[in-house]
Each structure stands twice: as structure tokens, then as C-alpha cells.
Amino acid sequence: MSTPDALPADLRWLRWAGLVEGTSTLLLFLVAMPLKYLAGMPLAVTIVSSLHGVLFLGYLALVLMIVLRHRWPLFRGLILGVAAIIPGGPFLIDGRIGRWYANR
């Protein structure tokens, strides 16, 4: 099994970006939305959703770059992309990145 330090830099970036993007999703759902609907603070959703959108698009761009660079099957890229849509998905898929690299 591959340790995180044995991964190439671009795959370490992918793992990091997935964790940051997943955290932004959780912040949006667990902090900003309750602030909007329970505390009457709609600006929270405006700020966090804008940040989350940028992080989401950056993550998808990074996924595309990784799929092309490492010649991974398109299905893997689809799995990574779908995981980014599901709250907490990037946390669940994180461990597979190292296994996919180890099993090239």
C-alpha cells in the first residue's frame, strides 16, 4: 500500500484539494445554512457558497488534470467528481487515491 509521502506531488495536491473542498461543503451545510435560516444571516451563505463554488471548480479541474496526466480510466474521474457532489464524499474517496496509484 502506498503511503501519502510516496505519492507524486499532483496526487498529494488532489487529496489536499478534496479535503478542503469537502470541508467547504460541510461548512456550507452545517454552519452557513443554519445561520441563514435560524439566525437570519443570509450573508453567511453568500460568502461560504462563493468560496465553495471556486473550490469545487478548482477540484474538478484538478481531477481532470490528474486523469489525463496519469491516464486513469474516465470512470475514476467520474467517481472523484461525484464524490465531490456528495457531502463528505471527498473524505470517503481519499484513501482510494493512494490505492489507485499503487495499483497502476
N, C-alpha and C. Protein backbone atom coordinates (compact mmCIF):
# COMPACT_ATOMS: atom_id res chain seq x y z
N MET A 1 0.85 -1.18 0.00
CA MET A 1 0.00 0.00 0.00
C MET A 1 0.89 1.24 0.00
N SER A 2 0.46 2.24 -0.65
CA SER A 2 1.22 3.47 -0.82
C SER A 2 0.94 4.44 0.33
N THR A 3 1.99 4.98 0.92
CA THR A 3 1.80 6.00 1.95
C THR A 3 1.65 7.34 1.27
N PRO A 4 1.05 8.33 1.95
CA PRO A 4 0.87 9.64 1.33
C PRO A 4 2.18 10.27 0.85
N ASP A 5 3.29 10.03 1.57
CA ASP A 5 4.56 10.62 1.18
C ASP A 5 5.11 10.00 -0.11
N ALA A 6 4.67 8.77 -0.43
CA ALA A 6 5.16 8.10 -1.63
C ALA A 6 4.39 8.53 -2.87
N LEU A 7 3.31 9.26 -2.68
CA LEU A 7 2.52 9.71 -3.83
C LEU A 7 3.22 10.86 -4.54
N PRO A 8 3.04 10.97 -5.84
CA PRO A 8 3.56 12.14 -6.56
C PRO A 8 2.88 13.40 -6.04
N ALA A 9 3.53 14.52 -6.25
CA ALA A 9 3.03 15.80 -5.74
C ALA A 9 1.62 16.12 -6.24
N ASP A 10 1.32 15.81 -7.50
CA ASP A 10 -0.01 16.16 -8.01
C ASP A 10 -1.11 15.36 -7.33
N LEU A 11 -0.82 14.11 -6.94
CA LEU A 11 -1.82 13.33 -6.23
C LEU A 11 -1.96 13.78 -4.78
N ARG A 12 -0.87 14.23 -4.18
CA ARG A 12 -0.98 14.82 -2.84
C ARG A 12 -1.82 16.09 -2.90
N TRP A 13 -1.65 16.89 -3.95
CA TRP A 13 -2.48 18.09 -4.14
C TRP A 13 -3.94 17.71 -4.32
N LEU A 14 -4.21 16.65 -5.05
CA LEU A 14 -5.58 16.20 -5.25
C LEU A 14 -6.21 15.81 -3.92
N ARG A 15 -5.49 15.06 -3.11
CA ARG A 15 -6.01 14.67 -1.80
C ARG A 15 -6.27 15.89 -0.94
N TRP A 16 -5.33 16.82 -0.93
CA TRP A 16 -5.48 18.04 -0.13
C TRP A 16 -6.68 18.85 -0.63
N ALA A 17 -6.79 19.01 -1.94
CA ALA A 17 -7.89 19.79 -2.52
C ALA A 17 -9.23 19.13 -2.21
N GLY A 18 -9.29 17.81 -2.23
CA GLY A 18 -10.52 17.11 -1.89
C GLY A 18 -10.94 17.35 -0.46
N LEU A 19 -9.96 17.34 0.44
CA LEU A 19 -10.27 17.59 1.85
C LEU A 19 -10.73 19.03 2.08
N VAL A 20 -10.10 19.98 1.40
CA VAL A 20 -10.51 21.38 1.54
C VAL A 20 -11.89 21.59 0.94
N GLU A 21 -12.14 21.02 -0.23
CA GLU A 21 -13.44 21.16 -0.88
C GLU A 21 -14.52 20.48 -0.04
N GLY A 22 -14.24 19.31 0.49
CA GLY A 22 -15.21 18.62 1.33
C GLY A 22 -15.52 19.40 2.60
N THR A 23 -14.50 20.03 3.16
CA THR A 23 -14.70 20.86 4.34
C THR A 23 -15.57 22.06 4.02
N SER A 24 -15.36 22.65 2.85
CA SER A 24 -16.19 23.80 2.47
C SER A 24 -17.65 23.41 2.29
N THR A 25 -17.89 22.20 1.80
CA THR A 25 -19.26 21.70 1.66
C THR A 25 -19.91 21.56 3.03
N LEU A 26 -19.18 20.96 3.95
CA LEU A 26 -19.72 20.78 5.30
C LEU A 26 -19.95 22.13 5.99
N LEU A 27 -19.04 23.07 5.79
CA LEU A 27 -19.24 24.41 6.36
C LEU A 27 -20.51 25.06 5.80
N LEU A 28 -20.73 24.88 4.52
CA LEU A 28 -21.91 25.44 3.89
C LEU A 28 -23.19 24.85 4.50
N PHE A 29 -23.23 23.52 4.59
CA PHE A 29 -24.44 22.86 5.08
C PHE A 29 -24.62 22.94 6.59
N LEU A 30 -23.52 22.85 7.34
CA LEU A 30 -23.63 22.75 8.79
C LEU A 30 -23.48 24.08 9.53
N VAL A 31 -22.92 25.08 8.87
CA VAL A 31 -22.73 26.37 9.53
C VAL A 31 -23.49 27.49 8.81
N ALA A 32 -23.19 27.69 7.55
CA ALA A 32 -23.76 28.84 6.84
C ALA A 32 -25.28 28.74 6.66
N MET A 33 -25.76 27.58 6.26
CA MET A 33 -27.21 27.45 6.06
C MET A 33 -28.00 27.58 7.36
N PRO A 34 -27.56 26.96 8.46
CA PRO A 34 -28.27 27.21 9.72
C PRO A 34 -28.22 28.69 10.13
N LEU A 35 -27.08 29.35 9.87
CA LEU A 35 -27.02 30.78 10.19
C LEU A 35 -28.04 31.56 9.37
N LYS A 36 -28.19 31.18 8.11
CA LYS A 36 -29.15 31.88 7.26
C LYS A 36 -30.59 31.65 7.72
N TYR A 37 -30.94 30.40 7.94
CA TYR A 37 -32.34 30.08 8.21
C TYR A 37 -32.74 30.17 9.68
N LEU A 38 -31.80 30.00 10.58
CA LEU A 38 -32.13 30.04 12.00
C LEU A 38 -31.77 31.36 12.66
N ALA A 39 -30.75 32.03 12.13
CA ALA A 39 -30.31 33.28 12.74
C ALA A 39 -30.53 34.49 11.85
N GLY A 40 -31.12 34.27 10.66
CA GLY A 40 -31.40 35.38 9.76
C GLY A 40 -30.17 36.07 9.22
N MET A 41 -29.12 35.31 8.94
CA MET A 41 -27.87 35.87 8.43
C MET A 41 -27.60 35.32 7.02
N PRO A 42 -28.28 35.83 5.99
CA PRO A 42 -28.10 35.29 4.63
C PRO A 42 -26.70 35.54 4.06
N LEU A 43 -25.99 36.52 4.59
CA LEU A 43 -24.64 36.80 4.09
C LEU A 43 -23.70 35.61 4.30
N ALA A 44 -23.96 34.81 5.33
CA ALA A 44 -23.11 33.63 5.58
C ALA A 44 -23.13 32.68 4.39
N VAL A 45 -24.32 32.43 3.86
CA VAL A 45 -24.43 31.53 2.71
C VAL A 45 -23.80 32.16 1.47
N THR A 46 -23.99 33.45 1.31
CA THR A 46 -23.40 34.14 0.15
C THR A 46 -21.89 33.98 0.15
N ILE A 47 -21.26 34.19 1.26
CA ILE A 47 -19.79 34.13 1.35
C ILE A 47 -19.30 32.69 1.21
N VAL A 48 -19.86 31.78 2.01
CA VAL A 48 -19.37 30.40 2.00
C VAL A 48 -19.69 29.70 0.68
N SER A 49 -20.85 29.97 0.10
CA SER A 49 -21.18 29.31 -1.17
C SER A 49 -20.30 29.80 -2.31
N SER A 50 -19.92 31.07 -2.27
CA SER A 50 -19.00 31.59 -3.30
C SER A 50 -17.64 30.91 -3.18
N LEU A 51 -17.14 30.81 -1.96
CA LEU A 51 -15.86 30.14 -1.72
C LEU A 51 -15.96 28.67 -2.12
N HIS A 52 -17.04 28.03 -1.73
CA HIS A 52 -17.22 26.62 -2.06
C HIS A 52 -17.27 26.41 -3.58
N GLY A 53 -17.94 27.30 -4.30
CA GLY A 53 -18.02 27.18 -5.76
C GLY A 53 -16.66 27.23 -6.42
N VAL A 54 -15.82 28.16 -5.97
CA VAL A 54 -14.46 28.27 -6.51
C VAL A 54 -13.66 27.01 -6.20
N LEU A 55 -13.76 26.53 -4.96
CA LEU A 55 -13.03 25.32 -4.57
C LEU A 55 -13.53 24.10 -5.34
N PHE A 56 -14.83 24.01 -5.55
CA PHE A 56 -15.41 22.88 -6.29
C PHE A 56 -14.91 22.86 -7.73
N LEU A 57 -14.94 24.01 -8.39
CA LEU A 57 -14.46 24.07 -9.78
C LEU A 57 -12.96 23.78 -9.86
N GLY A 58 -12.20 24.29 -8.91
CA GLY A 58 -10.76 24.00 -8.88
C GLY A 58 -10.49 22.52 -8.68
N TYR A 59 -11.28 21.90 -7.81
CA TYR A 59 -11.13 20.47 -7.57
C TYR A 59 -11.43 19.67 -8.83
N LEU A 60 -12.51 20.03 -9.52
CA LEU A 60 -12.85 19.31 -10.75
C LEU A 60 -11.78 19.50 -11.82
N ALA A 61 -11.21 20.69 -11.91
CA ALA A 61 -10.12 20.93 -12.87
C ALA A 61 -8.91 20.06 -12.52
N LEU A 62 -8.63 19.96 -11.24
CA LEU A 62 -7.50 19.13 -10.79
C LEU A 62 -7.77 17.66 -11.08
N VAL A 63 -9.00 17.22 -10.88
CA VAL A 63 -9.37 15.83 -11.20
C VAL A 63 -9.14 15.56 -12.69
N LEU A 64 -9.58 16.47 -13.54
CA LEU A 64 -9.39 16.30 -14.98
C LEU A 64 -7.90 16.22 -15.33
N MET A 65 -7.11 17.11 -14.72
CA MET A 65 -5.67 17.10 -14.98
C MET A 65 -5.04 15.77 -14.55
N ILE A 66 -5.43 15.27 -13.40
CA ILE A 66 -4.87 14.01 -12.88
C ILE A 66 -5.27 12.84 -13.78
N VAL A 67 -6.52 12.80 -14.18
CA VAL A 67 -7.00 11.70 -15.04
C VAL A 67 -6.21 11.69 -16.35
N LEU A 68 -5.99 12.85 -16.91
CA LEU A 68 -5.23 12.92 -18.17
C LEU A 68 -3.75 12.61 -17.96
N ARG A 69 -3.16 13.18 -16.94
CA ARG A 69 -1.72 13.00 -16.70
C ARG A 69 -1.37 11.56 -16.35
N HIS A 70 -2.17 10.93 -15.52
CA HIS A 70 -1.87 9.56 -15.08
C HIS A 70 -2.57 8.51 -15.92
N ARG A 71 -3.29 8.98 -16.94
CA ARG A 71 -4.01 8.08 -17.85
C ARG A 71 -4.92 7.12 -17.10
N TRP A 72 -5.61 7.68 -16.10
CA TRP A 72 -6.58 6.90 -15.35
C TRP A 72 -7.83 6.73 -16.19
N PRO A 73 -8.57 5.65 -15.95
CA PRO A 73 -9.84 5.49 -16.67
C PRO A 73 -10.78 6.66 -16.36
N LEU A 74 -11.56 7.04 -17.32
CA LEU A 74 -12.50 8.14 -17.15
C LEU A 74 -13.46 7.87 -16.00
N PHE A 75 -13.77 6.61 -15.77
CA PHE A 75 -14.68 6.25 -14.69
C PHE A 75 -14.13 6.69 -13.33
N ARG A 76 -12.80 6.61 -13.15
CA ARG A 76 -12.18 7.08 -11.91
C ARG A 76 -12.41 8.57 -11.71
N GLY A 77 -12.24 9.31 -12.78
CA GLY A 77 -12.51 10.75 -12.71
C GLY A 77 -13.96 11.03 -12.37
N LEU A 78 -14.85 10.22 -12.93
CA LEU A 78 -16.27 10.36 -12.63
C LEU A 78 -16.55 10.07 -11.16
N ILE A 79 -15.91 9.05 -10.62
CA ILE A 79 -16.07 8.71 -9.20
C ILE A 79 -15.60 9.88 -8.34
N LEU A 80 -14.44 10.45 -8.68
CA LEU A 80 -13.93 11.59 -7.91
C LEU A 80 -14.86 12.79 -8.02
N GLY A 81 -15.40 13.04 -9.20
CA GLY A 81 -16.31 14.15 -9.39
C GLY A 81 -17.62 13.98 -8.64
N VAL A 82 -18.18 12.78 -8.69
CA VAL A 82 -19.42 12.51 -7.96
C VAL A 82 -19.19 12.59 -6.46
N ALA A 83 -18.02 12.13 -6.01
CA ALA A 83 -17.71 12.21 -4.58
C ALA A 83 -17.70 13.66 -4.10
N ALA A 84 -17.30 14.57 -4.97
CA ALA A 84 -17.27 15.99 -4.60
C ALA A 84 -18.67 16.58 -4.46
N ILE A 85 -19.65 15.97 -5.10
CA ILE A 85 -21.03 16.45 -5.02
C ILE A 85 -21.69 16.00 -3.72
N ILE A 86 -21.31 14.84 -3.23
CA ILE A 86 -21.90 14.27 -2.02
C ILE A 86 -21.21 14.89 -0.80
N PRO A 87 -21.98 15.45 0.14
CA PRO A 87 -21.34 15.99 1.35
C PRO A 87 -20.53 14.91 2.07
N GLY A 88 -19.27 15.18 2.28
CA GLY A 88 -18.37 14.22 2.91
C GLY A 88 -17.76 13.23 1.93
N GLY A 89 -18.16 13.28 0.68
CA GLY A 89 -17.65 12.35 -0.32
C GLY A 89 -16.14 12.36 -0.49
N PRO A 90 -15.53 13.55 -0.57
CA PRO A 90 -14.07 13.56 -0.72
C PRO A 90 -13.33 12.88 0.44
N PHE A 91 -13.93 12.89 1.64
CA PHE A 91 -13.30 12.21 2.77
C PHE A 91 -13.37 10.71 2.59
N LEU A 92 -14.47 10.23 2.01
CA LEU A 92 -14.65 8.80 1.81
C LEU A 92 -13.76 8.26 0.69
N ILE A 93 -13.53 9.06 -0.34
CA ILE A 93 -12.78 8.60 -1.51
C ILE A 93 -11.27 8.81 -1.35
N ASP A 94 -10.87 9.56 -0.35
CA ASP A 94 -9.47 9.94 -0.17
C ASP A 94 -8.52 8.74 -0.15
N GLY A 95 -8.86 7.71 0.58
CA GLY A 95 -7.98 6.54 0.70
C GLY A 95 -7.79 5.79 -0.60
N ARG A 96 -8.75 5.89 -1.49
CA ARG A 96 -8.64 5.17 -2.77
C ARG A 96 -7.57 5.75 -3.68
N ILE A 97 -7.29 7.02 -3.53
CA ILE A 97 -6.32 7.67 -4.44
C ILE A 97 -4.97 6.98 -4.34
N GLY A 98 -4.51 6.73 -3.13
CA GLY A 98 -3.24 6.03 -2.95
C GLY A 98 -3.27 4.61 -3.49
N ARG A 99 -4.39 3.93 -3.28
CA ARG A 99 -4.51 2.55 -3.80
C ARG A 99 -4.53 2.55 -5.32
N TRP A 100 -5.24 3.50 -5.92
CA TRP A 100 -5.27 3.58 -7.37
C TRP A 100 -3.86 3.80 -7.93
N TYR A 101 -3.11 4.67 -7.28
CA TYR A 101 -1.74 4.93 -7.74
C TYR A 101 -0.87 3.69 -7.55
N ALA A 102 -1.02 3.01 -6.43
CA ALA A 102 -0.19 1.83 -6.15
C ALA A 102 -0.51 0.69 -7.12
N ASN A 103 -1.74 0.62 -7.59
CA ASN A 103 -2.17 -0.47 -8.47
C ASN A 103 -2.16 -0.06 -9.94
N ARG A 104 -1.29 0.88 -10.29
CA ARG A 104 -1.24 1.35 -11.68
C ARG A 104 -1.17 0.17 -12.56
